[in-house]
Amino acid sequence: MPNRQPTTGPLLGLRILDLTRLLPGPLGTMLMADMGADVVKIEDPNAPDYVRAFPPYVNGESANYLAYNRSKRSVLLDYQTPDGRDRFLELVKTADVVVEQFRPGYLDRLGIGYAAGQAANPRIIYVSVTGFGQTGPYAHLAGHDLNYIALAGVLDLTGARAGGPTIPGVQLADIAGGSYGCVMATLAAVYARERTGEGQHVDVSMTDIVMPLLSVAYAGHAGGQSSARGTMPLSGGLPNYGVYRCGDGKYVALGTLEPKFWQKFCTLIGKPDWTGFLPANPARLADFADQIQAVFGEKTRDEWTRFGLEYDILITPVNTLDDLETDPHLMARQMIVTQQHPVAGAFRSIGVPLKFSGTPARPAWPAPELGEDTDDVLGPA
């Protein structure tokens, strides 16, 4: 069995017991593992992380499991039995944080909830990630990303003005609300403990945490501005801030929001008369967007990308997933990484988003096999 320990990153010395499954918690704890935390992924042998069974597979290994669980250690522990409960609470004595995403009250019924953990280790922090939070009329309901962004008001604003709500291409509540919320909650609680000497229980509701994504839209709404789908300035309402199809069928994003950039763009494309033409009438705005579209149809995406780079004019390619692996900026930022997994082989995944000058963060090792670190972490049964 391996004897793996983190060697670099700003969170070296922080130990996290990870009871989470699927996407929100596992991605959050992986981000902290990449930053040097010792993350011990604990799975029930009778019901391990369900994501292990999700396709697609790489040599029999779930690509999703590999993508959310690198840099961790894997332990099998049946914490629903009296012996497993006792062994878990012994681990709590060695840990800083427990991250879990069961429905409210489930761990308490098993005897390993926050009260039991605090009795074993007064400095322990429990971070509970749920869809609707620990309190409120929806607290015990099941849900998914789509339900949370619907309730939070995010889904209603997403899509074109002529159609209904559009499901986003990424999991906003799961990741922005659950994964990032988990990291934010953990680090804030650890900082508080350094001042007070005491742990605490942090309630992370994915619905709550996704709501600050509405900050611009809700400010406009509170100020009396229309919040109709596709009409707000940063959500499709301005033709100088939008997405356009190029001559080769690919797309670019035009971000000439400020007048100086818009004027520069109009001059460079030989349309100086457009500089003051941003009418407020929605019908005329649509007509103007059609004129801009006609200009973008004259060149390919790569030609417009080079144009944007040459003149610093806020034109960027709308990259596909394939494009991410060759984009020179993303490659320079190491935002796609490859690890050699013992079963899956070479596996590509998203890199570490935060760059630290003195305590560099990086993926430590590929996602572990089920229970691979059990003996190392728990010792003899």
Protein backbone atom coordinates (compact mmCIF):
# COMPACT_ATOMS: atom_id res chain seq x y z
CA MET A 1 0.00 0.00 0.00
CA PRO A 2 1.26 3.53 -0.74
CA ASN A 3 2.35 5.96 1.96
CA ARG A 4 1.46 9.21 0.26
CA GLN A 5 1.71 12.66 1.78
CA PRO A 6 1.35 16.10 0.17
CA THR A 7 4.65 17.90 -0.34
CA THR A 8 3.73 21.38 -1.55
CA GLY A 9 0.97 23.97 -1.47
CA PRO A 10 -0.40 26.64 0.88
CA LEU A 11 -2.60 24.15 2.77
CA LEU A 12 0.18 21.79 3.86
CA GLY A 13 -0.61 20.51 7.34
CA LEU A 14 -4.41 20.75 6.96
CA ARG A 15 -6.16 17.38 7.24
CA ILE A 16 -9.62 16.91 5.73
CA LEU A 17 -11.88 13.88 6.08
CA ASP A 18 -13.95 13.76 2.90
CA LEU A 19 -17.28 11.95 3.09
CA THR A 20 -18.67 13.52 -0.08
CA ARG A 21 -19.80 11.86 -3.30
CA LEU A 22 -20.55 12.76 -6.90
CA LEU A 23 -19.48 16.28 -7.97
CA PRO A 24 -19.85 19.26 -5.56
CA GLY A 25 -17.93 18.11 -2.49
CA PRO A 26 -15.35 15.92 -4.27
CA LEU A 27 -14.31 18.73 -6.63
CA GLY A 28 -14.05 21.16 -3.71
CA THR A 29 -11.92 18.82 -1.62
CA MET A 30 -9.77 18.03 -4.67
CA LEU A 31 -9.02 21.73 -5.13
CA MET A 32 -7.82 21.82 -1.52
CA ALA A 33 -5.85 18.60 -1.99
CA ASP A 34 -4.09 20.19 -4.97
CA MET A 35 -3.24 23.06 -2.62
CA GLY A 36 -1.49 20.66 -0.24
CA ALA A 37 -4.21 19.53 2.17
CA ASP A 38 -4.13 15.88 3.25
CA VAL A 39 -7.57 14.85 1.99
CA VAL A 40 -8.69 11.40 3.11
CA LYS A 41 -11.63 10.22 0.99
CA ILE A 42 -13.69 7.89 3.16
CA GLU A 43 -16.13 5.56 1.42
CA ASP A 44 -18.64 3.06 2.75
CA PRO A 45 -17.65 -0.35 1.28
CA ASN A 46 -21.36 -1.12 0.79
CA ALA A 47 -22.04 2.15 -1.07
CA PRO A 48 -18.86 3.80 -2.37
CA ASP A 49 -18.91 7.07 -4.30
CA TYR A 50 -21.54 6.60 -7.01
CA VAL A 51 -19.48 8.56 -9.52
CA ARG A 52 -17.17 5.54 -9.83
CA ALA A 53 -19.93 3.90 -11.88
CA PHE A 54 -20.58 6.87 -14.19
CA PRO A 55 -19.50 6.66 -17.84
CA PRO A 56 -17.48 7.39 -19.85
CA TYR A 57 -14.79 4.92 -18.86
CA VAL A 58 -11.06 4.94 -19.52
CA ASN A 59 -9.79 1.35 -19.36
CA GLY A 60 -12.64 0.60 -16.97
CA GLU A 61 -12.08 3.66 -14.75
CA SER A 62 -14.73 6.37 -14.59
CA ALA A 63 -13.42 9.56 -16.19
CA ASN A 64 -15.60 11.56 -13.79
CA TYR A 65 -14.10 9.87 -10.74
CA LEU A 66 -10.60 10.49 -12.05
CA ALA A 67 -11.42 14.15 -12.73
CA TYR A 68 -12.66 15.03 -9.22
CA ASN A 69 -10.50 12.92 -6.91
CA ARG A 70 -6.80 13.31 -7.70
CA SER A 71 -4.34 14.21 -4.93
CA LYS A 72 -6.47 12.38 -2.31
CA ARG A 73 -6.06 9.20 -0.29
CA SER A 74 -8.80 6.54 -0.33
CA VAL A 75 -10.06 4.70 2.74
CA LEU A 76 -12.81 2.09 3.04
CA LEU A 77 -14.70 2.37 6.32
CA ASP A 78 -18.20 1.17 7.18
CA TYR A 79 -19.09 4.08 9.46
CA GLN A 80 -22.65 2.78 9.83
CA THR A 81 -21.44 0.03 12.21
CA PRO A 82 -20.48 0.67 15.85
CA ASP A 83 -16.86 -0.27 15.16
CA GLY A 84 -16.74 1.89 12.04
CA ARG A 85 -18.27 4.80 13.94
CA ASP A 86 -15.63 4.52 16.65
CA ARG A 87 -12.81 4.33 14.12
CA PHE A 88 -14.20 7.37 12.30
CA LEU A 89 -14.29 9.40 15.52
CA GLU A 90 -10.70 8.36 16.20
CA LEU A 91 -9.82 9.83 12.80
CA VAL A 92 -11.71 13.00 13.70
CA LYS A 93 -9.25 13.47 16.57
CA THR A 94 -6.45 13.72 13.99
CA ALA A 95 -8.30 15.97 11.55
CA ASP A 96 -9.03 19.65 11.05
CA VAL A 97 -12.14 19.43 8.88
CA VAL A 98 -14.89 16.98 7.96
CA VAL A 99 -16.67 17.69 4.68
CA GLU A 100 -19.99 15.93 4.05
CA GLN A 101 -22.99 16.35 1.77
CA PHE A 102 -25.66 14.04 3.17
CA ARG A 103 -29.16 15.29 3.91
CA PRO A 104 -29.47 17.21 7.21
CA GLY A 105 -29.47 14.94 10.26
CA TYR A 106 -28.17 11.79 8.55
CA LEU A 107 -24.74 11.78 10.22
CA ASP A 108 -26.32 12.62 13.58
CA ARG A 109 -28.44 9.48 13.31
CA LEU A 110 -25.27 7.46 12.68
CA GLY A 111 -23.60 9.00 15.73
CA ILE A 112 -20.86 10.78 13.74
CA GLY A 113 -22.43 14.20 13.19
CA TYR A 114 -21.03 17.52 14.36
CA ALA A 115 -21.99 17.05 18.03
CA ALA A 116 -20.19 13.70 18.21
CA GLY A 117 -17.23 15.05 16.25
CA GLN A 118 -16.93 18.09 18.50
CA ALA A 119 -16.99 15.86 21.59
CA ALA A 120 -14.06 13.91 20.13
CA ASN A 121 -12.18 17.01 18.95
CA PRO A 122 -13.37 20.49 20.07
CA ARG A 123 -11.33 22.08 17.26
CA ILE A 124 -13.01 20.08 14.50
CA ILE A 125 -14.83 21.90 11.72
CA TYR A 126 -17.72 20.27 9.89
CA VAL A 127 -18.62 21.64 6.46
CA SER A 128 -22.04 20.40 5.32
CA VAL A 129 -22.78 20.88 1.62
CA THR A 130 -26.43 20.49 0.67
CA GLY A 131 -28.76 21.75 -2.01
CA PHE A 132 -31.06 23.84 0.17
CA GLY A 133 -29.19 24.19 3.47
CA GLN A 134 -29.65 22.79 6.97
CA THR A 135 -32.75 24.87 7.72
CA GLY A 136 -35.86 26.10 5.91
CA PRO A 137 -38.90 24.33 4.43
CA TYR A 138 -36.89 22.73 1.59
CA ALA A 139 -33.94 21.56 3.71
CA HIS A 140 -34.75 17.85 3.54
CA LEU A 141 -35.72 17.75 -0.13
CA ALA A 142 -33.71 16.04 -2.85
CA GLY A 143 -32.43 18.21 -5.69
CA HIS A 144 -29.95 18.68 -8.51
CA ASP A 145 -28.07 21.58 -10.02
CA LEU A 146 -31.03 22.47 -12.24
CA ASN A 147 -33.38 22.69 -9.23
CA TYR A 148 -31.02 24.97 -7.30
CA ILE A 149 -30.42 27.45 -10.12
CA ALA A 150 -34.16 27.46 -10.85
CA LEU A 151 -35.05 28.31 -7.25
CA ALA A 152 -32.26 30.91 -7.01
CA GLY A 153 -33.50 32.83 -10.05
CA VAL A 154 -30.45 32.12 -12.19
CA LEU A 155 -32.18 29.82 -14.67
CA ASP A 156 -34.90 32.34 -15.52
CA LEU A 157 -32.28 34.83 -16.73
CA THR A 158 -30.41 32.32 -18.88
CA GLY A 159 -31.22 32.17 -22.57
CA ALA A 160 -32.24 34.31 -25.53
CA ARG A 161 -34.95 36.94 -25.27
CA ALA A 162 -37.22 35.14 -27.72
CA GLY A 163 -37.19 31.76 -25.98
CA GLY A 164 -37.63 30.12 -22.61
CA PRO A 165 -34.96 29.43 -19.99
CA THR A 166 -31.92 27.53 -21.28
CA ILE A 167 -30.05 24.95 -19.21
CA PRO A 168 -26.46 26.24 -18.83
CA GLY A 169 -23.66 24.20 -20.36
CA VAL A 170 -21.96 23.77 -16.97
CA GLN A 171 -23.13 22.94 -13.46
CA LEU A 172 -23.33 26.38 -11.86
CA ALA A 173 -24.83 25.46 -8.48
CA ASP A 174 -22.85 22.24 -8.08
CA ILE A 175 -19.52 23.90 -8.77
CA ALA A 176 -19.87 27.63 -7.98
CA GLY A 177 -22.24 26.87 -5.10
CA GLY A 178 -21.04 23.49 -3.86
CA SER A 179 -17.36 23.08 -4.78
CA TYR A 180 -16.25 26.70 -4.45
CA GLY A 181 -18.59 27.17 -1.48
CA CYS A 182 -16.95 24.18 0.22
CA VAL A 183 -13.48 25.67 -0.25
CA MET A 184 -14.59 29.13 0.91
CA ALA A 185 -16.36 27.75 3.98
CA THR A 186 -13.43 25.53 4.96
CA LEU A 187 -10.79 28.23 4.71
CA ALA A 188 -12.92 30.85 6.48
CA ALA A 189 -13.68 28.46 9.35
CA VAL A 190 -10.02 27.43 9.68
CA TYR A 191 -9.02 31.10 9.86
CA ALA A 192 -11.68 31.73 12.54
CA ARG A 193 -10.42 28.75 14.53
CA GLU A 194 -6.90 30.19 14.49
CA ARG A 195 -8.31 33.23 16.28
CA THR A 196 -10.78 31.55 18.64
CA GLY A 197 -9.31 28.09 19.13
CA GLU A 198 -12.71 26.55 18.46
CA GLY A 199 -14.20 24.65 15.56
CA GLN A 200 -17.70 25.10 14.21
CA HIS A 201 -20.35 23.72 11.86
CA VAL A 202 -20.65 25.52 8.49
CA ASP A 203 -23.90 25.28 6.54
CA VAL A 204 -23.19 25.45 2.77
CA SER A 205 -26.38 25.71 0.71
CA MET A 206 -25.75 25.46 -3.02
CA THR A 207 -28.90 27.49 -3.65
CA ASP A 208 -27.75 30.28 -1.31
CA ILE A 209 -24.22 30.44 -2.66
CA VAL A 210 -25.28 30.61 -6.29
CA MET A 211 -27.46 33.66 -5.57
CA PRO A 212 -24.56 36.18 -5.54
CA LEU A 213 -24.21 35.33 -9.25
CA LEU A 214 -27.33 37.51 -9.53
CA SER A 215 -25.63 40.55 -7.99
CA VAL A 216 -25.53 42.65 -11.19
CA ALA A 217 -28.96 41.52 -12.39
CA TYR A 218 -30.62 42.03 -9.02
CA ALA A 219 -29.06 45.46 -8.58
CA GLY A 220 -30.63 46.47 -11.89
CA HIS A 221 -33.93 44.94 -10.84
CA ALA A 222 -33.86 46.76 -7.51
CA GLY A 223 -33.13 49.98 -9.40
CA GLY A 224 -36.13 49.56 -11.66
CA GLN A 225 -34.32 48.21 -14.72
CA SER A 226 -35.92 45.56 -16.91
CA SER A 227 -34.68 42.07 -16.08
CA ALA A 228 -36.30 40.28 -19.00
CA ARG A 229 -34.29 37.33 -20.29
CA GLY A 230 -31.76 38.33 -22.95
CA THR A 231 -32.31 42.09 -22.62
CA MET A 232 -29.99 43.10 -19.76
CA PRO A 233 -26.80 44.87 -20.85
CA LEU A 234 -24.41 42.04 -19.96
CA SER A 235 -26.77 39.22 -20.93
CA GLY A 236 -27.59 39.87 -24.58
CA GLY A 237 -29.07 43.36 -24.48
CA LEU A 238 -26.12 45.14 -26.13
CA PRO A 239 -24.95 44.30 -29.66
CA ASN A 240 -21.42 45.49 -28.85
CA TYR A 241 -21.21 42.84 -26.11
CA GLY A 242 -22.17 39.53 -27.63
CA VAL A 243 -21.32 36.36 -29.53
CA TYR A 244 -21.04 36.31 -33.33
CA ARG A 245 -20.75 33.57 -35.94
CA CYS A 246 -17.73 33.78 -38.20
CA GLY A 247 -17.38 32.84 -41.86
CA ASP A 248 -16.20 29.31 -41.02
CA GLY A 249 -19.17 28.60 -38.74
CA LYS A 250 -17.18 29.05 -35.53
CA TYR A 251 -17.81 31.83 -33.02
CA VAL A 252 -16.07 34.74 -31.32
CA ALA A 253 -16.99 36.85 -28.31
CA LEU A 254 -17.04 40.62 -28.79
CA GLY A 255 -16.56 42.45 -25.48
CA THR A 256 -16.34 46.10 -26.58
CA LEU A 257 -18.42 47.33 -23.66
CA GLU A 258 -16.60 50.61 -22.94
CA PRO A 259 -16.98 53.44 -25.49
CA LYS A 260 -13.22 53.66 -26.12
CA PHE A 261 -13.07 50.00 -27.19
CA TRP A 262 -16.24 50.23 -29.25
CA GLN A 263 -14.99 53.33 -31.05
CA LYS A 264 -11.64 51.66 -31.74
CA PHE A 265 -13.39 48.55 -33.11
CA CYS A 266 -15.65 50.61 -35.40
CA THR A 267 -12.67 52.56 -36.74
CA LEU A 268 -10.61 49.44 -37.39
CA ILE A 269 -13.36 47.68 -39.34
CA GLY A 270 -14.06 50.79 -41.41
CA LYS A 271 -17.41 51.64 -39.81
CA PRO A 272 -16.72 54.98 -38.06
CA ASP A 273 -20.39 55.93 -38.42
CA TRP A 274 -21.25 53.15 -35.96
CA THR A 275 -19.43 54.77 -33.05
CA GLY A 276 -22.50 56.60 -31.79
CA PHE A 277 -25.08 54.09 -32.95
CA LEU A 278 -26.23 52.21 -29.89
CA PRO A 279 -29.99 52.92 -30.00
CA ALA A 280 -32.20 52.08 -27.06
CA ASN A 281 -35.07 50.79 -29.17
CA PRO A 282 -34.99 46.95 -28.91
CA ALA A 283 -36.10 46.49 -32.52
CA ARG A 284 -33.29 48.70 -33.80
CA LEU A 285 -30.80 46.97 -31.51
CA ALA A 286 -31.65 43.64 -33.14
CA ASP A 287 -31.19 45.19 -36.60
CA PHE A 288 -27.84 46.62 -35.56
CA ALA A 289 -26.73 43.22 -34.23
CA ASP A 290 -27.52 41.79 -37.68
CA GLN A 291 -25.20 44.38 -39.26
CA ILE A 292 -22.40 43.46 -36.87
CA GLN A 293 -23.03 39.79 -37.65
CA ALA A 294 -22.59 40.47 -41.33
CA VAL A 295 -19.13 41.94 -40.66
CA PHE A 296 -18.03 38.95 -38.59
CA GLY A 297 -19.17 36.63 -41.35
CA GLU A 298 -16.46 38.06 -43.60
CA LYS A 299 -13.57 36.32 -41.78
CA THR A 300 -12.87 33.04 -40.01
CA ARG A 301 -12.70 32.68 -36.27
CA ASP A 302 -8.91 32.41 -36.32
CA GLU A 303 -8.63 35.55 -38.45
CA TRP A 304 -10.81 37.50 -36.01
CA THR A 305 -8.83 36.06 -33.09
CA ARG A 306 -5.57 37.33 -34.59
CA PHE A 307 -7.24 40.67 -35.24
CA GLY A 308 -8.29 40.90 -31.61
CA LEU A 309 -4.82 40.02 -30.38
CA GLU A 310 -3.08 42.46 -32.71
CA TYR A 311 -5.23 45.44 -31.74
CA ASP A 312 -6.20 44.50 -28.15
CA ILE A 313 -9.83 44.91 -29.09
CA LEU A 314 -11.64 42.39 -26.83
CA ILE A 315 -12.29 39.72 -29.43
CA THR A 316 -11.65 36.20 -28.19
CA PRO A 317 -12.43 32.80 -29.70
CA VAL A 318 -15.34 30.78 -28.36
CA ASN A 319 -13.22 27.72 -27.65
CA THR A 320 -14.61 24.22 -27.89
CA LEU A 321 -13.41 21.56 -25.45
CA ASP A 322 -10.98 20.37 -28.14
CA ASP A 323 -9.63 23.91 -28.48
CA LEU A 324 -8.74 24.09 -24.78
CA GLU A 325 -5.92 21.62 -25.32
CA THR A 326 -4.18 23.80 -27.91
CA ASP A 327 -4.99 27.34 -26.78
CA PRO A 328 -1.58 28.97 -26.19
CA HIS A 329 -2.70 31.03 -23.20
CA LEU A 330 -4.39 28.13 -21.39
CA MET A 331 -1.37 25.94 -22.09
CA ALA A 332 0.98 28.59 -20.71
CA ARG A 333 -1.21 28.73 -17.59
CA GLN A 334 -1.08 24.91 -17.26
CA MET A 335 -4.86 24.70 -17.20
CA ILE A 336 -4.92 21.26 -18.81
CA VAL A 337 -2.75 18.68 -17.05
CA THR A 338 -1.96 15.05 -17.80
CA GLN A 339 -1.33 12.40 -15.14
CA GLN A 340 -0.32 8.79 -15.56
CA HIS A 341 -2.91 6.60 -13.84
CA PRO A 342 -1.92 2.95 -13.18
CA VAL A 343 -5.09 1.64 -14.83
CA ALA A 344 -6.47 4.42 -17.02
CA GLY A 345 -3.07 5.45 -18.38
CA ALA A 346 -2.47 9.04 -19.45
CA PHE A 347 -5.47 11.06 -18.30
CA ARG A 348 -6.13 14.75 -19.02
CA SER A 349 -8.02 16.99 -16.60
CA ILE A 350 -8.46 20.63 -15.64
CA GLY A 351 -5.41 22.14 -13.95
CA VAL A 352 -5.04 24.08 -10.70
CA PRO A 353 -6.69 27.51 -11.04
CA LEU A 354 -4.80 29.36 -8.29
CA LYS A 355 -1.11 30.18 -8.69
CA PHE A 356 0.97 30.78 -5.53
CA SER A 357 4.43 32.33 -5.79
CA GLY A 358 5.85 30.89 -2.58
CA THR A 359 3.83 27.70 -1.99
CA PRO A 360 3.02 26.34 -5.44
CA ALA A 361 -0.05 24.14 -5.77
CA ARG A 362 -0.13 21.23 -8.20
CA PRO A 363 -1.78 17.84 -8.66
CA ALA A 364 0.00 15.38 -6.38
CA TRP A 365 -1.03 11.97 -7.76
CA PRO A 366 -3.89 10.50 -9.79
CA ALA A 367 -7.21 9.57 -8.21
CA PRO A 368 -6.67 6.57 -5.91
CA GLU A 369 -8.12 3.14 -6.37
CA LEU A 370 -10.96 2.26 -3.98
CA GLY A 371 -9.54 1.74 -0.48
CA GLU A 372 -5.96 2.03 -1.69
CA ASP A 373 -4.80 3.90 1.43
CA THR A 374 -6.94 2.16 4.06
CA ASP A 375 -4.13 0.35 5.87
CA ASP A 376 -1.86 3.38 5.79
CA VAL A 377 -4.50 5.70 7.29
CA LEU A 378 -6.38 3.40 9.66
CA GLY A 379 -3.71 0.89 10.56
CA PRO A 380 -4.61 -2.72 11.45
CA ALA A 381 -8.30 -3.38 12.09
